[in-house]
Amino acid sequence: MNGKHPQTATNDDLASVLAQFNNGVTTSRELDKQSKAINKAEKRRDMAAQKLKELMESDAEEADRAILEEEYRMAVEDWTRLTNPNTNAPEIDGGQTVEMVDTEIELSEESSEDRAQEDEANDQETA
């Protein structure tokens, strides 16, 4: 015999399995937090872009425009930081035009629609 009681080996195995399970739960919670943070940042970015677009279409004051442009820049930086954690957030050109914002809104809407279609396809595959 190896000097261990069979019950001791079983307890060690149980402790190891329990530790693995706890690590999995922790990892799962972290992934959920990251996913929620990305979704929140994406919504913030999209809302800021929409506000900026509406403001520019209404020919509002320059001060209001500057505030919304800064809000949009910060939202994009947050979203980029969360979706690309291994890279630095790119500097956004201060001369960004309404057309660029419109394009980003359209791209964001298309990517959201693509994700929804992918989720539906995955749900159908698992059913």
Protein backbone atom coordinates (compact mmCIF):
# COMPACT_ATOMS: atom_id res chain seq x y z
CA MET A 1 0.00 0.00 0.00
CA ASN A 2 1.05 3.58 -0.53
CA GLY A 3 0.45 4.64 3.08
CA LYS A 4 -2.74 6.59 2.29
CA HIS A 5 -6.11 5.52 3.43
CA PRO A 6 -8.60 5.07 0.59
CA GLN A 7 -10.87 7.67 2.22
CA THR A 8 -8.07 10.28 2.20
CA ALA A 9 -7.47 9.83 -1.52
CA THR A 10 -11.18 10.26 -2.16
CA ASN A 11 -11.26 13.48 -0.13
CA ASP A 12 -8.26 14.82 -2.07
CA ASP A 13 -9.98 13.98 -5.36
CA LEU A 14 -13.18 15.63 -4.17
CA ALA A 15 -11.28 18.76 -3.11
CA SER A 16 -9.58 18.91 -6.52
CA VAL A 17 -12.86 18.54 -8.41
CA LEU A 18 -14.52 21.13 -6.19
CA ALA A 19 -11.67 23.58 -6.82
CA GLN A 20 -12.02 23.06 -10.58
CA PHE A 21 -15.76 23.66 -10.34
CA ASN A 22 -15.25 26.85 -8.32
CA ASN A 23 -12.72 28.09 -10.88
CA GLY A 24 -15.25 27.40 -13.64
CA VAL A 25 -17.95 29.33 -11.79
CA THR A 26 -15.60 32.26 -11.25
CA THR A 27 -14.58 32.26 -14.90
CA SER A 28 -18.20 32.09 -16.02
CA ARG A 29 -19.11 35.06 -13.82
CA GLU A 30 -16.19 37.08 -15.16
CA LEU A 31 -17.24 36.33 -18.75
CA ASP A 32 -20.80 37.39 -17.94
CA LYS A 33 -19.53 40.66 -16.42
CA GLN A 34 -17.39 41.33 -19.48
CA SER A 35 -20.27 40.60 -21.83
CA LYS A 36 -22.60 42.93 -19.93
CA ALA A 37 -19.96 45.67 -19.87
CA ILE A 38 -19.45 45.35 -23.64
CA ASN A 39 -23.21 45.48 -24.29
CA LYS A 40 -23.54 48.53 -22.05
CA ALA A 41 -20.63 50.28 -23.78
CA GLU A 42 -22.09 49.43 -27.20
CA LYS A 43 -25.46 50.93 -26.25
CA ARG A 44 -23.75 54.02 -24.84
CA ARG A 45 -21.73 54.42 -28.04
CA ASP A 46 -24.79 53.99 -30.25
CA MET A 47 -26.86 56.43 -28.19
CA ALA A 48 -24.09 59.02 -28.26
CA ALA A 49 -23.73 58.62 -32.03
CA GLN A 50 -27.48 59.00 -32.51
CA LYS A 51 -27.60 62.14 -30.33
CA LEU A 52 -24.67 63.61 -32.24
CA LYS A 53 -26.31 62.84 -35.57
CA GLU A 54 -29.59 64.43 -34.50
CA LEU A 55 -27.79 67.49 -33.15
CA MET A 56 -25.85 67.97 -36.36
CA GLU A 57 -28.99 67.63 -38.46
CA SER A 58 -30.66 70.36 -36.39
CA ASP A 59 -27.73 72.79 -36.75
CA ALA A 60 -27.37 73.28 -33.00
CA GLU A 61 -24.81 75.43 -31.23
CA GLU A 62 -21.11 74.62 -31.44
CA ALA A 63 -20.80 74.17 -27.65
CA ASP A 64 -23.51 71.49 -27.63
CA ARG A 65 -21.87 69.79 -30.56
CA ALA A 66 -18.48 69.75 -28.85
CA ILE A 67 -19.98 68.20 -25.70
CA LEU A 68 -21.71 65.44 -27.66
CA GLU A 69 -18.62 64.80 -29.79
CA GLU A 70 -16.57 64.32 -26.62
CA GLU A 71 -19.22 62.01 -25.18
CA TYR A 72 -19.15 60.00 -28.40
CA ARG A 73 -15.34 59.80 -28.39
CA MET A 74 -15.31 58.55 -24.82
CA ALA A 75 -18.02 55.97 -25.57
CA VAL A 76 -16.09 54.65 -28.58
CA GLU A 77 -12.87 54.47 -26.56
CA ASP A 78 -14.62 52.53 -23.78
CA TRP A 79 -16.20 50.13 -26.27
CA THR A 80 -12.89 49.63 -28.09
CA ARG A 81 -11.03 49.02 -24.82
CA LEU A 82 -13.58 46.39 -23.78
CA THR A 83 -13.79 44.62 -27.13
CA ASN A 84 -10.04 44.71 -27.82
CA PRO A 85 -8.39 44.37 -24.40
CA ASN A 86 -4.95 43.62 -25.86
CA THR A 87 -4.75 46.85 -27.83
CA ASN A 88 -4.84 50.50 -26.91
CA ALA A 89 -7.96 52.40 -27.85
CA PRO A 90 -7.32 54.28 -31.09
CA GLU A 91 -7.23 58.01 -31.05
CA ILE A 92 -10.32 59.42 -32.68
CA ASP A 93 -9.81 62.33 -35.01
CA GLY A 94 -11.31 65.52 -33.61
CA GLY A 95 -12.51 66.42 -37.11
CA GLN A 96 -14.82 63.45 -37.38
CA THR A 97 -17.70 64.28 -39.67
CA VAL A 98 -21.39 63.47 -39.52
CA GLU A 99 -20.88 61.08 -42.42
CA MET A 100 -18.34 59.11 -40.39
CA VAL A 101 -20.76 58.93 -37.46
CA ASP A 102 -23.57 57.83 -39.80
CA THR A 103 -21.36 55.12 -41.24
CA GLU A 104 -20.43 53.87 -37.78
CA ILE A 105 -24.10 53.81 -36.75
CA GLU A 106 -24.99 51.82 -39.85
CA LEU A 107 -22.10 49.39 -39.30
CA SER A 108 -23.08 48.97 -35.67
CA GLU A 109 -26.70 48.30 -36.60
CA GLU A 110 -25.61 45.76 -39.23
CA SER A 111 -23.31 43.98 -36.80
CA SER A 112 -26.10 43.87 -34.20
CA GLU A 113 -28.44 42.36 -36.78
CA ASP A 114 -25.76 39.84 -37.81
CA ARG A 115 -25.27 38.80 -34.19
CA ALA A 116 -29.03 38.37 -33.74
CA GLN A 117 -29.19 36.18 -36.84
CA GLU A 118 -26.21 34.12 -35.64
CA ASP A 119 -27.84 33.68 -32.23
CA GLU A 120 -31.06 32.48 -33.90
CA ALA A 121 -29.11 30.02 -36.05
CA ASN A 122 -27.23 28.70 -33.02
CA ASP A 123 -30.47 28.33 -31.08
CA GLN A 124 -32.03 26.37 -33.92
CA GLU A 125 -28.97 24.11 -34.17
CA THR A 126 -29.07 23.26 -30.48
CA ALA A 127 -32.84 22.61 -30.51
